[in-house]
Amino acid sequence: MCPDDEIHEKLNMTKKEYSKDDLMDAAGGRVDKHLNDTMMVDGRDDGLDVYFAYEDKTQGFRIVDVNTIQECHGYSFSCKADIVNDIGYINLPQEMKDLIPEDDAIFTLSGTLKTGEVTVTHWSREQSKFAQKVACDWWDMAEGEVLEEWGIEYDEVKEN
């Protein structure tokens, strides 16, 4: 065995292996941090509100009052039935509840309120530009950053 082969063998023995679950968790955490950092600006929680300022409120809106969010926890794709027991949704006036579609997939942000309650803070339709930006552009960027930090290529990530 030549010296270069020995070095490569030692590197491969000490190189940590990562699974697709590891990558999803790390990328998800990074996107959640970016959402939180973007939402929480200068002691206010309205940094993402521009993305939810639809004239047509059937496209999405902020669910909780301004400056009631302590921390943003990230996003999910769900449906109205998934949020009906959240305190933010419960506190909405009925006419606002009626604007959220019953059968369509929706994009939601969740967070901890200053009262300590965890709830959905914003919603928009799944196909909104912001939902796609977060789920595609921000997610891809986060995955790339994580892979670079780990020093591996995507094809080196192991199946679960």
Protein backbone atom coordinates (compact mmCIF):
# COMPACT_ATOMS: atom_id res chain seq x y z
CA MET A 1 0.00 0.00 0.00
CA CYS A 2 1.46 3.39 -0.95
CA PRO A 3 1.53 6.26 1.59
CA ASP A 4 -1.31 8.19 -0.13
CA ASP A 5 -3.59 5.14 0.11
CA GLU A 6 -2.86 4.87 3.83
CA ILE A 7 -3.76 8.54 4.36
CA HIS A 8 -7.03 8.15 2.43
CA GLU A 9 -7.88 5.00 4.37
CA LYS A 10 -7.30 6.77 7.71
CA LEU A 11 -9.42 9.73 6.61
CA ASN A 12 -12.24 7.42 5.55
CA MET A 13 -12.10 5.58 8.88
CA THR A 14 -12.46 8.81 10.86
CA LYS A 15 -14.93 10.57 8.56
CA LYS A 16 -18.35 10.83 10.18
CA GLU A 17 -21.23 9.37 8.23
CA TYR A 18 -24.45 11.36 7.96
CA SER A 19 -27.92 10.09 7.12
CA LYS A 20 -30.66 11.82 5.18
CA ASP A 21 -32.46 12.33 8.53
CA ASP A 22 -29.33 14.07 9.87
CA LEU A 23 -29.29 16.33 6.81
CA MET A 24 -33.02 17.10 7.07
CA ASP A 25 -32.67 17.96 10.77
CA ALA A 26 -29.64 20.18 10.20
CA ALA A 27 -31.09 21.96 7.15
CA GLY A 28 -34.45 22.37 8.90
CA GLY A 29 -32.77 23.90 11.92
CA ARG A 30 -30.90 26.31 9.70
CA VAL A 31 -34.07 27.38 7.85
CA ASP A 32 -35.88 27.78 11.18
CA LYS A 33 -33.04 30.00 12.45
CA HIS A 34 -33.15 32.09 9.28
CA LEU A 35 -36.92 32.49 9.61
CA ASN A 36 -36.52 33.53 13.25
CA ASP A 37 -33.68 35.95 12.51
CA THR A 38 -35.66 37.49 9.65
CA MET A 39 -38.88 37.74 11.69
CA MET A 40 -37.34 39.17 14.84
CA VAL A 41 -35.80 42.55 13.98
CA ASP A 42 -34.89 45.32 16.44
CA GLY A 43 -37.04 43.84 19.20
CA ARG A 44 -40.08 43.52 16.92
CA ASP A 45 -41.62 40.38 15.42
CA ASP A 46 -42.83 41.81 12.10
CA GLY A 47 -39.83 41.17 9.84
CA LEU A 48 -41.74 38.61 7.74
CA ASP A 49 -45.05 40.45 7.65
CA VAL A 50 -44.38 41.89 4.19
CA TYR A 51 -44.79 38.34 2.85
CA PHE A 52 -48.23 38.06 4.49
CA ALA A 53 -49.60 41.50 3.59
CA TYR A 54 -52.02 40.25 0.94
CA GLU A 55 -54.84 42.56 -0.07
CA ASP A 56 -56.91 39.44 -0.60
CA LYS A 57 -56.86 37.85 2.85
CA THR A 58 -57.90 34.51 1.32
CA GLN A 59 -54.25 34.19 0.26
CA GLY A 60 -52.88 34.39 3.81
CA PHE A 61 -52.34 36.67 6.77
CA ARG A 62 -50.71 37.06 10.15
CA ILE A 63 -52.75 35.16 12.75
CA VAL A 64 -51.41 36.63 16.01
CA ASP A 65 -51.08 40.29 16.98
CA VAL A 66 -47.88 42.22 16.22
CA ASN A 67 -45.22 42.03 18.92
CA THR A 68 -46.70 38.97 20.59
CA ILE A 69 -44.16 36.47 19.20
CA GLN A 70 -41.10 35.66 21.26
CA GLU A 71 -39.50 33.21 18.79
CA CYS A 72 -40.28 31.74 15.38
CA HIS A 73 -39.87 27.96 15.23
CA GLY A 74 -40.14 27.41 11.52
CA TYR A 75 -42.64 26.35 8.94
CA SER A 76 -44.77 23.45 7.83
CA PHE A 77 -47.24 22.52 5.16
CA SER A 78 -50.52 21.41 6.64
CA CYS A 79 -54.23 22.05 6.39
CA LYS A 80 -56.80 24.06 8.31
CA ALA A 81 -57.81 21.03 10.39
CA ASP A 82 -54.25 20.91 11.76
CA ILE A 83 -54.43 24.42 13.23
CA VAL A 84 -58.00 24.66 14.60
CA ASN A 85 -56.88 23.80 18.15
CA ASP A 86 -54.01 26.31 18.21
CA ILE A 87 -54.51 29.34 20.43
CA GLY A 88 -53.77 31.74 17.58
CA TYR A 89 -56.51 30.24 15.41
CA ILE A 90 -58.95 29.98 18.34
CA ASN A 91 -58.52 33.69 19.07
CA LEU A 92 -59.25 34.78 15.49
CA PRO A 93 -62.61 36.37 14.76
CA GLN A 94 -64.92 33.97 12.91
CA GLU A 95 -64.75 36.01 9.68
CA MET A 96 -60.94 35.55 9.64
CA LYS A 97 -61.25 31.82 10.37
CA ASP A 98 -63.64 31.55 7.43
CA LEU A 99 -60.99 32.97 5.06
CA ILE A 100 -58.63 30.04 5.61
CA PRO A 101 -59.43 27.33 3.05
CA GLU A 102 -60.89 24.07 4.37
CA ASP A 103 -59.48 21.60 1.86
CA ASP A 104 -56.33 23.20 0.43
CA ALA A 105 -52.81 22.70 1.70
CA ILE A 106 -51.51 25.73 3.56
CA PHE A 107 -48.07 26.99 4.56
CA THR A 108 -47.80 27.96 8.21
CA LEU A 109 -45.24 29.55 10.49
CA SER A 110 -45.20 28.57 14.14
CA GLY A 111 -43.72 30.21 17.17
CA THR A 112 -43.72 30.76 20.88
CA LEU A 113 -45.75 33.73 22.04
CA LYS A 114 -44.54 36.01 24.82
CA THR A 115 -47.16 34.29 26.99
CA GLY A 116 -45.25 31.01 26.53
CA GLU A 117 -47.87 29.40 24.30
CA VAL A 118 -46.72 27.72 21.08
CA THR A 119 -49.02 28.31 18.12
CA VAL A 120 -49.34 29.02 14.43
CA THR A 121 -48.47 32.67 13.84
CA HIS A 122 -48.98 33.14 10.07
CA TRP A 123 -50.53 31.23 7.18
CA SER A 124 -50.55 31.46 3.40
CA ARG A 125 -51.56 29.23 0.54
CA GLU A 126 -49.08 26.47 -0.22
CA GLN A 127 -48.38 27.86 -3.69
CA SER A 128 -47.57 31.39 -2.47
CA LYS A 129 -44.23 32.81 -3.59
CA PHE A 130 -42.98 33.04 -0.01
CA ALA A 131 -43.90 29.42 0.81
CA GLN A 132 -42.04 28.25 -2.28
CA LYS A 133 -39.10 30.55 -1.51
CA VAL A 134 -38.73 29.08 1.98
CA ALA A 135 -39.36 25.43 1.08
CA CYS A 136 -37.23 25.46 -2.06
CA ASP A 137 -34.69 28.29 -2.18
CA TRP A 138 -33.97 28.65 1.53
CA TRP A 139 -34.04 24.86 2.05
CA ASP A 140 -31.62 24.22 -0.82
CA MET A 141 -29.30 26.96 0.45
CA ALA A 142 -29.40 25.48 3.96
CA GLU A 143 -28.67 21.96 2.69
CA GLY A 144 -25.71 23.26 0.69
CA GLU A 145 -24.31 25.12 3.70
CA VAL A 146 -24.67 22.05 5.93
CA LEU A 147 -23.02 19.74 3.39
CA GLU A 148 -20.16 22.21 2.98
CA GLU A 149 -19.67 22.37 6.77
CA TRP A 150 -19.70 18.59 6.95
CA GLY A 151 -17.19 18.44 4.10
CA ILE A 152 -19.22 15.95 2.06
CA GLU A 153 -21.22 15.80 -1.16
CA TYR A 154 -24.93 15.01 -1.26
CA ASP A 155 -24.28 11.55 -2.73
CA GLU A 156 -22.23 10.71 0.38
CA VAL A 157 -25.33 11.10 2.61
CA LYS A 158 -26.54 7.65 3.63
CA GLU A 159 -30.09 6.40 3.26
CA ASN A 160 -31.86 5.93 6.58
